[in-house]
């Protein structure tokens, strides 16, 4: 969420990356920070500590990152709003025997992300970040319009089509974290990722707030919610015009490139991708089911936005300091901490079904997602050259959202057929897989821990 070996600035006291068994030649990053001769850009580098400098982030970089964080907040709030409301809106128009498919519009959204990540990344490589991101916001407006119209017509398929278009918008939002590292000097990249991700804190306030306020503004119930999503994407479209993204350079698309298979079969890339897949998969699996589980357990439907709010706060409040924690303690310690928190969330969910059980469980789930996902993304951005970033990032997000597509679809099915407890046991099994993958990598590469 840093793309190349980070250079050493004058006055630095700690190393950032140490080359290990690499074959690619060292080169400078896109922000003008020279890479050391022993650094590598092929994924065989180590994320350890941040470079300590006497100065802070340049003012222009901070301004652009702040605006990008605002766009993250806006787009994420619309995503949060859809997650909190979509399944409940579907229940107002489908028959009881279709209840298990209530999450299908959200599943179509994830499927749309999976289909869109490669086109979105390649479009940005050719036309630039601003054009690509604004195209995503425009698609978000189209998708929310379909959802609102489908609800008004009582058409479940039209709502699902809306989810597919919204997927393109979310695919672009997922690339904000990669764009962040292009807006900051090399030694601030982990912090840039963290700050942009922290935009989700505002989303955790705006999204659930709109989810509580908008459903009953007019009939049909929840149509006003989808109209609010249109407005949020329109604001993001405007804000994006003020961000000074780096110009597209010929070397960004025509520089040295390795085959995609060679990039994605690097051990570091595979571990980073697996961590991101499981972080997002488990988070999506539990979050998508929670509004339905809350109602099934006899709690008020107004509890769903509250629980989602607590969950989103857990996801994004830690982002203010996750970058510093990674710099101080290392990627692998933080990813393991994230795994431990995901396990703790499952444990709380299995002990009861009161409001506070849901809130605490989803909060722990959110914090665990943050540590595991930000850590995995930070590791991932050390595994490719600038000219490879489009396909390397797109493949990662394709895999991540392939998992979340399955997770969101299966969430309501497992919940309806087996219940909330069984769903959490499945989540626990997935977290254990992440523990094995990351743990084995640490054992085989102890110098990178």
Protein backbone atom coordinates (compact mmCIF):
# COMPACT_ATOMS: atom_id res chain seq x y z
CA UNK A 1 0.00 0.00 0.00
CA UNK A 2 5.73 1.18 -1.23
CA UNK A 3 6.54 0.10 -4.64
CA UNK A 4 10.32 -0.11 -4.88
CA UNK A 5 13.31 -0.36 -2.61
CA UNK A 6 13.29 2.65 -0.35
CA UNK A 7 16.41 4.77 -0.52
CA UNK A 8 18.50 6.08 2.31
CA UNK A 9 18.04 9.77 3.02
CA UNK A 10 20.75 11.94 4.50
CA UNK A 11 20.63 11.88 8.29
CA UNK A 12 18.96 8.47 8.40
CA UNK A 13 19.89 6.12 11.18
CA UNK A 14 18.01 2.96 10.32
CA UNK A 15 17.80 0.86 7.18
CA UNK A 16 14.51 0.19 5.48
CA UNK A 17 15.13 -2.65 3.08
CA UNK A 18 18.00 -5.07 2.95
CA UNK A 19 18.59 -6.93 -0.31
CA UNK A 20 18.38 -10.68 -0.10
CA UNK A 21 19.08 -13.05 -2.98
CA UNK A 22 17.69 -10.63 -5.56
CA UNK A 23 18.50 -10.59 -9.22
CA UNK A 24 17.03 -7.29 -10.37
CA UNK A 25 19.34 -4.30 -10.60
CA UNK A 26 18.92 -1.54 -8.05
CA UNK A 27 17.23 1.60 -9.26
CA UNK A 28 15.77 4.77 -7.81
CA UNK A 29 12.12 5.10 -6.86
CA UNK A 30 9.58 7.33 -8.56
CA UNK A 31 9.98 10.07 -5.97
CA UNK A 32 13.64 10.58 -6.68
CA UNK A 33 14.95 8.60 -3.71
CA UNK A 34 18.00 6.60 -4.81
CA UNK A 35 18.05 2.92 -4.05
CA UNK A 36 21.16 1.42 -2.55
CA UNK A 37 23.27 -0.83 -4.68
CA UNK A 38 22.35 -3.91 -2.75
CA UNK A 39 18.59 -3.25 -2.80
CA UNK A 40 16.38 -5.35 -5.03
CA UNK A 41 13.00 -4.79 -6.67
CA UNK A 42 12.02 -8.40 -7.21
CA UNK A 43 10.40 -9.21 -3.91
CA UNK A 44 13.49 -10.47 -2.13
CA UNK A 45 13.74 -7.45 0.10
CA UNK A 46 12.99 -6.98 3.74
CA UNK A 47 10.67 -4.51 5.38
CA UNK A 48 12.20 -3.65 8.71
CA UNK A 49 12.27 -0.16 10.07
CA UNK A 50 11.48 3.23 8.73
CA UNK A 51 14.18 5.73 7.99
CA UNK A 52 14.47 8.27 10.77
CA UNK A 53 14.85 11.78 9.45
CA UNK A 54 14.84 15.18 11.06
CA UNK A 55 12.06 16.54 8.84
CA UNK A 56 8.43 15.69 8.28
CA UNK A 57 6.53 14.86 5.12
CA UNK A 58 6.67 17.65 2.50
CA UNK A 59 3.69 19.99 2.57
CA UNK A 60 2.57 19.23 -0.99
CA UNK A 61 2.74 15.50 -0.37
CA UNK A 62 0.75 15.90 2.84
CA UNK A 63 -1.91 17.95 1.04
CA UNK A 64 -2.32 15.37 -1.71
CA UNK A 65 -2.42 12.49 0.75
CA UNK A 66 -5.01 14.32 2.88
CA UNK A 67 -7.24 14.79 -0.19
CA UNK A 68 -6.77 11.15 -1.18
CA UNK A 69 -7.67 10.14 2.39
CA UNK A 70 -10.84 12.22 2.01
CA UNK A 71 -11.69 10.30 -1.16
CA UNK A 72 -11.01 7.07 0.71
CA UNK A 73 -13.41 8.24 3.41
CA UNK A 74 -16.13 9.13 0.93
CA UNK A 75 -15.90 5.98 -1.17
CA UNK A 76 -15.53 3.74 1.86
CA UNK A 77 -18.54 5.38 3.51
CA UNK A 78 -20.65 4.51 0.46
CA UNK A 79 -19.33 0.96 0.65
CA UNK A 80 -20.12 0.80 4.36
CA UNK A 81 -23.58 2.18 3.68
CA UNK A 82 -24.23 -0.53 1.08
CA UNK A 83 -22.97 -3.27 3.38
CA UNK A 84 -25.16 -2.08 6.26
CA UNK A 85 -28.32 -1.65 4.17
CA UNK A 86 -28.30 -3.76 1.02
CA UNK A 87 -29.25 -7.14 2.50
CA UNK A 88 -31.97 -5.57 4.65
CA UNK A 89 -33.33 -3.75 1.59
CA UNK A 90 -33.46 -7.02 -0.34
CA UNK A 91 -35.55 -8.59 2.44
CA UNK A 92 -38.27 -6.00 1.75
CA UNK A 93 -38.81 -7.22 -1.84
CA UNK A 94 -38.05 -10.97 -1.90
CA UNK A 95 -40.07 -13.96 -0.74
CA UNK A 96 -39.06 -15.86 2.44
CA UNK A 97 -37.52 -18.71 0.44
CA UNK A 98 -35.06 -16.20 -1.08
CA UNK A 99 -33.77 -14.90 2.24
CA UNK A 100 -30.53 -16.86 1.97
CA UNK A 101 -29.64 -14.87 -1.16
CA UNK A 102 -30.11 -11.48 0.50
CA UNK A 103 -26.38 -10.74 0.20
CA UNK A 104 -26.29 -11.39 -3.55
CA UNK A 105 -26.09 -7.66 -4.51
CA UNK A 106 -23.04 -7.34 -2.24
CA UNK A 107 -21.63 -10.51 -3.76
CA UNK A 108 -22.12 -9.00 -7.21
CA UNK A 109 -20.29 -5.91 -5.98
CA UNK A 110 -17.31 -8.05 -4.97
CA UNK A 111 -17.55 -9.90 -8.27
CA UNK A 112 -17.51 -6.54 -10.03
CA UNK A 113 -14.33 -5.64 -8.14
CA UNK A 114 -12.74 -8.91 -9.21
CA UNK A 115 -13.61 -8.26 -12.87
CA UNK A 116 -12.51 -4.62 -12.71
CA UNK A 117 -9.11 -4.64 -11.02
CA UNK A 118 -7.12 -5.46 -14.17
CA UNK A 119 -8.94 -2.98 -16.45
CA UNK A 120 -8.79 -0.27 -13.76
CA UNK A 121 -5.06 -0.76 -13.15
CA UNK A 122 -4.19 -0.85 -16.84
CA UNK A 123 -6.33 2.24 -17.53
CA UNK A 124 -4.38 4.15 -14.88
CA UNK A 125 -1.07 2.99 -16.31
CA UNK A 126 -2.09 4.59 -19.62
CA UNK A 127 -4.24 7.57 -18.62
CA UNK A 128 -3.10 8.31 -15.08
CA UNK A 129 -4.53 7.95 -11.58
CA UNK A 130 -6.86 10.94 -11.74
CA UNK A 131 -8.68 9.81 -14.88
CA UNK A 132 -8.98 6.27 -13.55
CA UNK A 133 -10.23 7.23 -10.10
CA UNK A 134 -12.79 9.69 -11.46
CA UNK A 135 -14.06 6.99 -13.84
CA UNK A 136 -14.54 4.81 -10.77
CA UNK A 137 -16.59 7.50 -9.01
CA UNK A 138 -18.77 7.89 -12.10
CA UNK A 139 -19.41 4.14 -12.14
CA UNK A 140 -20.31 4.33 -8.46
CA UNK A 141 -23.05 6.83 -9.29
CA UNK A 142 -24.35 4.54 -12.05
CA UNK A 143 -24.35 1.49 -9.77
CA UNK A 144 -26.18 3.24 -6.93
CA UNK A 145 -28.76 4.49 -9.45
CA UNK A 146 -29.43 0.92 -10.57
CA UNK A 147 -29.82 -0.16 -6.93
CA UNK A 148 -32.31 2.63 -6.21
CA UNK A 149 -34.29 1.94 -9.39
CA UNK A 150 -34.28 -1.82 -8.77
CA UNK A 151 -35.64 -1.34 -5.27
CA UNK A 152 -38.33 0.98 -6.57
CA UNK A 153 -39.35 -1.58 -9.19
CA UNK A 154 -39.13 -4.46 -6.71
CA UNK A 155 -36.59 -6.05 -9.05
CA UNK A 156 -33.94 -8.14 -7.33
CA UNK A 157 -31.95 -8.67 -10.60
CA UNK A 158 -31.70 -4.91 -11.24
CA UNK A 159 -30.34 -4.42 -7.72
CA UNK A 160 -27.73 -7.09 -8.46
CA UNK A 161 -26.71 -5.26 -11.65
CA UNK A 162 -26.24 -2.15 -9.52
CA UNK A 163 -23.88 -4.10 -7.29
CA UNK A 164 -21.83 -5.10 -10.35
CA UNK A 165 -21.32 -1.46 -11.38
CA UNK A 166 -20.51 -0.46 -7.82
CA UNK A 167 -17.78 -3.09 -7.94
CA UNK A 168 -15.86 -0.99 -10.46
CA UNK A 169 -15.95 1.97 -8.06
CA UNK A 170 -14.70 -0.17 -5.18
CA UNK A 171 -11.94 -1.64 -7.37
CA UNK A 172 -10.65 1.89 -7.87
CA UNK A 173 -10.91 2.64 -4.17
CA UNK A 174 -8.70 -0.37 -3.45
CA UNK A 175 -6.02 1.26 -5.60
CA UNK A 176 -5.97 4.41 -3.44
CA UNK A 177 -3.50 2.75 -1.10
CA UNK A 178 -1.10 2.08 -3.97
CA UNK A 179 -1.51 5.63 -5.28
CA UNK A 180 -0.58 6.91 -1.81
CA UNK A 181 3.00 5.64 -2.11
CA UNK A 182 3.40 7.62 -5.34
CA UNK A 183 2.47 10.86 -3.56
CA UNK A 184 5.04 10.62 -0.75
CA UNK A 185 8.86 10.40 -0.56
CA UNK A 186 10.15 6.84 -0.24
CA UNK A 187 10.77 6.81 3.50
CA UNK A 188 7.19 7.97 4.21
CA UNK A 189 5.50 5.25 2.17
CA UNK A 190 4.28 3.07 5.05
CA UNK A 191 2.88 6.19 6.72
CA UNK A 192 1.24 7.31 3.46
CA UNK A 193 -0.53 3.95 3.17
CA UNK A 194 -1.59 4.20 6.78
CA UNK A 195 -2.88 7.78 6.50
CA UNK A 196 -4.96 7.08 3.40
CA UNK A 197 -6.36 3.94 4.97
CA UNK A 198 -7.23 6.04 8.04
CA UNK A 199 -9.73 7.91 5.87
CA UNK A 200 -11.98 5.00 6.70
CA UNK A 201 -12.45 6.50 10.18
CA UNK A 202 -14.63 9.23 8.70
CA UNK A 203 -16.33 6.55 6.61
CA UNK A 204 -17.14 4.70 9.82
CA UNK A 205 -19.02 7.77 11.00
CA UNK A 206 -20.66 8.88 7.76
CA UNK A 207 -21.65 5.44 6.44
CA UNK A 208 -23.47 4.06 9.51
CA UNK A 209 -24.87 7.53 10.24
CA UNK A 210 -26.49 7.63 6.81
CA UNK A 211 -27.59 4.02 7.27
CA UNK A 212 -29.55 5.03 10.38
CA UNK A 213 -30.92 8.30 9.02
CA UNK A 214 -31.84 7.59 5.39
CA UNK A 215 -33.85 4.30 5.17
CA UNK A 216 -37.21 5.79 6.18
CA UNK A 217 -36.94 9.19 4.48
CA UNK A 218 -39.39 8.03 1.81
CA UNK A 219 -40.88 4.86 0.39
CA UNK A 220 -39.78 2.34 -0.64
CA UNK A 221 -37.68 1.88 2.47
CA UNK A 222 -33.92 2.13 1.79
CA UNK A 223 -34.28 3.88 -1.58
CA UNK A 224 -33.09 7.14 -0.01
CA UNK A 225 -30.04 5.23 1.24
CA UNK A 226 -29.02 4.32 -2.30
CA UNK A 227 -29.60 7.91 -3.42
CA UNK A 228 -27.21 9.01 -0.66
CA UNK A 229 -24.58 6.71 -2.18
CA UNK A 230 -24.97 8.59 -5.49
CA UNK A 231 -24.30 11.87 -3.70
CA UNK A 232 -21.24 10.54 -1.90
CA UNK A 233 -19.64 9.34 -5.15
CA UNK A 234 -20.40 12.72 -6.77
CA UNK A 235 -18.47 14.51 -4.00
CA UNK A 236 -15.52 12.13 -4.39
CA UNK A 237 -15.55 12.82 -8.15
CA UNK A 238 -15.07 16.54 -7.43
CA UNK A 239 -12.40 16.11 -4.71
CA UNK A 240 -10.27 13.92 -6.99
CA UNK A 241 -9.85 16.83 -9.41
CA UNK A 242 -7.76 18.71 -6.81
CA UNK A 243 -5.17 15.96 -6.24
CA UNK A 244 -1.80 16.37 -8.01
CA UNK A 245 -1.00 12.83 -9.08
CA UNK A 246 2.37 12.16 -10.73
CA UNK A 247 2.28 12.39 -14.52
CA UNK A 248 2.30 9.14 -16.45
CA UNK A 249 5.86 8.35 -17.53
CA UNK A 250 6.92 6.17 -20.42
CA UNK A 251 9.20 4.12 -18.15
CA UNK A 252 6.22 3.32 -15.91
CA UNK A 253 4.77 1.14 -18.67
CA UNK A 254 7.76 0.42 -20.91
CA UNK A 255 10.49 -0.24 -18.34
CA UNK A 256 11.94 -3.68 -17.58
CA UNK A 257 9.21 -6.19 -16.81
CA UNK A 258 9.14 -9.82 -15.81
CA UNK A 259 6.34 -12.24 -16.72
CA UNK A 260 3.39 -12.10 -14.32
CA UNK A 261 3.95 -15.71 -13.32
CA UNK A 262 7.50 -14.92 -12.23
CA UNK A 263 6.29 -11.99 -10.10
CA UNK A 264 3.44 -13.80 -8.37
CA UNK A 265 5.44 -16.95 -7.60
CA UNK A 266 7.99 -15.09 -5.50
CA UNK A 267 7.68 -16.35 -1.91
CA UNK A 268 7.24 -12.83 -0.54
CA UNK A 269 4.50 -12.05 -3.07
CA UNK A 270 2.64 -15.27 -2.33
CA UNK A 271 2.75 -14.68 1.43
CA UNK A 272 1.63 -11.06 1.05
CA UNK A 273 -1.19 -12.02 -1.31
CA UNK A 274 -2.33 -14.87 0.95
CA UNK A 275 -2.36 -12.55 3.96
CA UNK A 276 -4.44 -9.96 2.10
CA UNK A 277 -6.84 -12.61 0.77
CA UNK A 278 -7.52 -14.08 4.21
CA UNK A 279 -7.70 -10.68 5.93
CA UNK A 280 -10.32 -9.42 3.49
CA UNK A 281 -12.06 -12.77 3.14
CA UNK A 282 -12.60 -13.28 6.87
CA UNK A 283 -13.57 -9.66 7.41
CA UNK A 284 -16.09 -9.74 4.55
CA UNK A 285 -17.46 -13.13 5.60
CA UNK A 286 -18.22 -11.97 9.14
CA UNK A 287 -19.28 -8.40 8.32
CA UNK A 288 -21.64 -9.40 5.50
CA UNK A 289 -23.46 -11.81 7.81
CA UNK A 290 -23.62 -9.60 10.87
CA UNK A 291 -26.65 -7.39 9.93
CA UNK A 292 -28.70 -10.51 9.15
CA UNK A 293 -27.39 -12.32 12.26
CA UNK A 294 -28.35 -9.38 14.46
CA UNK A 295 -31.96 -9.53 13.24
CA UNK A 296 -32.05 -13.36 13.39
CA UNK A 297 -30.88 -13.24 17.02
CA UNK A 298 -33.85 -11.07 17.98
CA UNK A 299 -32.11 -7.71 18.13
CA UNK A 300 -33.46 -4.54 16.49
CA UNK A 301 -32.50 -3.79 12.91
CA UNK A 302 -31.23 -0.40 14.18
CA UNK A 303 -28.44 -2.30 15.94
CA UNK A 304 -26.91 -3.28 12.59
CA UNK A 305 -25.58 0.23 11.75
CA UNK A 306 -24.20 0.57 15.29
CA UNK A 307 -22.32 -2.70 15.02
CA UNK A 308 -21.05 -1.80 11.55
CA UNK A 309 -19.91 1.58 12.93
CA UNK A 310 -17.90 -0.12 15.69
CA UNK A 311 -16.49 -2.56 13.14
CA UNK A 312 -15.39 0.18 10.74
CA UNK A 313 -13.81 2.14 13.59
CA UNK A 314 -11.85 -1.00 14.43
CA UNK A 315 -10.78 -1.29 10.79
CA UNK A 316 -9.56 2.25 10.32
CA UNK A 317 -8.72 4.01 13.60
CA UNK A 318 -5.53 1.91 13.97
CA UNK A 319 -4.45 3.13 10.53
CA UNK A 320 -3.26 6.36 12.15
CA UNK A 321 -0.41 4.44 13.73
CA UNK A 322 -0.19 1.10 11.88
CA UNK A 323 2.58 2.45 9.66
CA UNK A 324 4.67 3.44 12.68
CA UNK A 325 4.05 0.07 14.34
CA UNK A 326 5.17 -1.75 11.20
CA UNK A 327 8.26 0.46 11.02
CA UNK A 328 9.13 -0.25 14.64
CA UNK A 329 8.21 -3.92 15.02
CA UNK A 330 8.29 -5.25 11.45
CA UNK A 331 5.70 -6.55 9.03
CA UNK A 332 5.54 -10.10 10.34
CA UNK A 333 5.02 -9.24 14.01
CA UNK A 334 2.15 -6.97 13.04
CA UNK A 335 0.53 -9.53 10.75
CA UNK A 336 0.71 -12.12 13.53
CA UNK A 337 -0.87 -9.61 15.90
CA UNK A 338 -3.65 -9.16 13.37
CA UNK A 339 -4.20 -12.91 13.24
CA UNK A 340 -4.41 -13.05 17.06
CA UNK A 341 -7.03 -10.29 17.07
CA UNK A 342 -9.13 -12.06 14.43
CA UNK A 343 -9.08 -15.18 16.60
CA UNK A 344 -10.13 -13.08 19.62
CA UNK A 345 -13.06 -11.69 17.62
CA UNK A 346 -14.28 -15.19 16.81
CA UNK A 347 -13.95 -16.18 20.48
CA UNK A 348 -16.13 -13.27 21.59
CA UNK A 349 -18.75 -14.03 18.91
CA UNK A 350 -19.01 -17.61 20.15
CA UNK A 351 -19.67 -16.60 23.76
CA UNK A 352 -23.00 -14.82 23.22
CA UNK A 353 -25.41 -12.93 20.96
CA UNK A 354 -26.12 -9.71 22.86
CA UNK A 355 -25.50 -6.27 21.36
CA UNK A 356 -22.13 -6.04 23.05
CA UNK A 357 -21.03 -9.47 21.88
CA UNK A 358 -21.65 -8.37 18.30
CA UNK A 359 -19.99 -5.00 18.81
CA UNK A 360 -16.84 -6.31 20.50
CA UNK A 361 -16.49 -9.24 18.10
CA UNK A 362 -16.79 -7.02 15.03
CA UNK A 363 -14.45 -4.40 16.52
CA UNK A 364 -11.74 -7.01 17.11
CA UNK A 365 -12.38 -8.36 13.61
CA UNK A 366 -11.80 -4.87 12.21
CA UNK A 367 -8.55 -4.21 14.09
CA UNK A 368 -7.26 -7.65 13.13
CA UNK A 369 -8.08 -6.92 9.48
CA UNK A 370 -6.17 -3.63 9.66
CA UNK A 371 -2.94 -5.12 11.02
CA UNK A 372 -2.99 -8.14 8.72
CA UNK A 373 -4.05 -6.29 5.57
CA UNK A 374 -1.81 -3.23 5.92
CA UNK A 375 1.14 -5.46 6.77
CA UNK A 376 0.48 -7.73 3.80
CA UNK A 377 0.09 -4.78 1.43
CA UNK A 378 3.30 -3.16 2.69
CA UNK A 379 5.15 -6.40 1.98
CA UNK A 380 3.50 -6.75 -1.42
CA UNK A 381 4.72 -3.34 -2.61
CA UNK A 382 8.33 -4.50 -2.26
CA UNK A 383 7.91 -7.27 -4.82
CA UNK A 384 7.67 -5.48 -8.17
CA UNK A 385 9.34 -2.82 -10.33
CA UNK A 386 7.55 0.42 -11.32
CA UNK A 387 6.67 -0.89 -14.79
CA UNK A 388 5.23 -4.06 -13.21
CA UNK A 389 3.02 -2.36 -10.68
CA UNK A 390 -0.18 -2.40 -12.75
CA UNK A 391 -0.32 -6.14 -13.27
CA UNK A 392 1.18 -7.00 -9.86
CA UNK A 393 -1.35 -4.87 -7.97
CA UNK A 394 -4.23 -6.00 -10.17
CA UNK A 395 -3.47 -9.69 -9.71
CA UNK A 396 -3.35 -9.25 -5.95
CA UNK A 397 -6.70 -7.47 -5.87
CA UNK A 398 -8.19 -9.96 -8.33
CA UNK A 399 -7.33 -12.76 -5.89
CA UNK A 400 -8.47 -10.77 -2.86
CA UNK A 401 -11.86 -9.97 -4.32
CA UNK A 402 -12.30 -13.41 -5.76
CA UNK A 403 -12.15 -14.53 -2.13
CA UNK A 404 -14.49 -11.80 -0.89
CA UNK A 405 -16.98 -12.58 -3.66
CA UNK A 406 -17.18 -16.14 -2.39
CA UNK A 407 -17.15 -15.04 1.26
CA UNK A 408 -19.99 -12.54 0.91
CA UNK A 409 -22.14 -15.03 -1.02
CA UNK A 410 -21.53 -17.86 1.42
CA UNK A 411 -22.04 -15.64 4.47
CA UNK A 412 -25.83 -15.48 4.18
CA UNK A 413 -26.05 -19.11 3.01
CA UNK A 414 -24.02 -20.47 5.96
CA UNK A 415 -25.88 -18.19 8.35
CA UNK A 416 -29.30 -19.31 7.11
CA UNK A 417 -28.46 -23.02 7.02
CA UNK A 418 -26.03 -23.46 9.94
CA UNK A 419 -26.25 -20.35 12.11
CA UNK A 420 -23.94 -17.66 13.51
CA UNK A 421 -21.73 -20.02 15.52
CA UNK A 422 -20.94 -22.26 12.54
CA UNK A 423 -20.08 -19.21 10.46
CA UNK A 424 -17.52 -18.12 13.06
CA UNK A 425 -15.94 -21.58 13.16
CA UNK A 426 -15.42 -21.34 9.40
CA UNK A 427 -13.78 -17.93 9.90
CA UNK A 428 -11.51 -19.44 12.55
CA UNK A 429 -10.35 -22.11 10.11
CA UNK A 430 -9.43 -19.48 7.52
CA UNK A 431 -7.45 -17.49 10.07
CA UNK A 432 -5.54 -20.63 10.99
CA UNK A 433 -4.50 -20.98 7.33
CA UNK A 434 -3.04 -17.45 7.45
CA UNK A 435 -1.15 -18.36 10.63
CA UNK A 436 0.39 -21.40 8.93
CA UNK A 437 1.37 -19.54 5.74
CA UNK A 438 2.96 -16.56 7.47
CA UNK A 439 4.49 -18.66 10.24
CA UNK A 440 6.16 -21.07 7.82
CA UNK A 441 7.54 -18.15 5.80
CA UNK A 442 9.05 -16.67 8.96
CA UNK A 443 10.66 -19.97 9.88
CA UNK A 444 12.22 -20.32 6.42
CA UNK A 445 13.29 -16.68 6.25
CA UNK A 446 14.16 -15.75 9.87
CA UNK A 447 16.24 -12.75 8.81
CA UNK A 448 13.10 -11.11 7.37
CA UNK A 449 11.04 -11.45 10.56
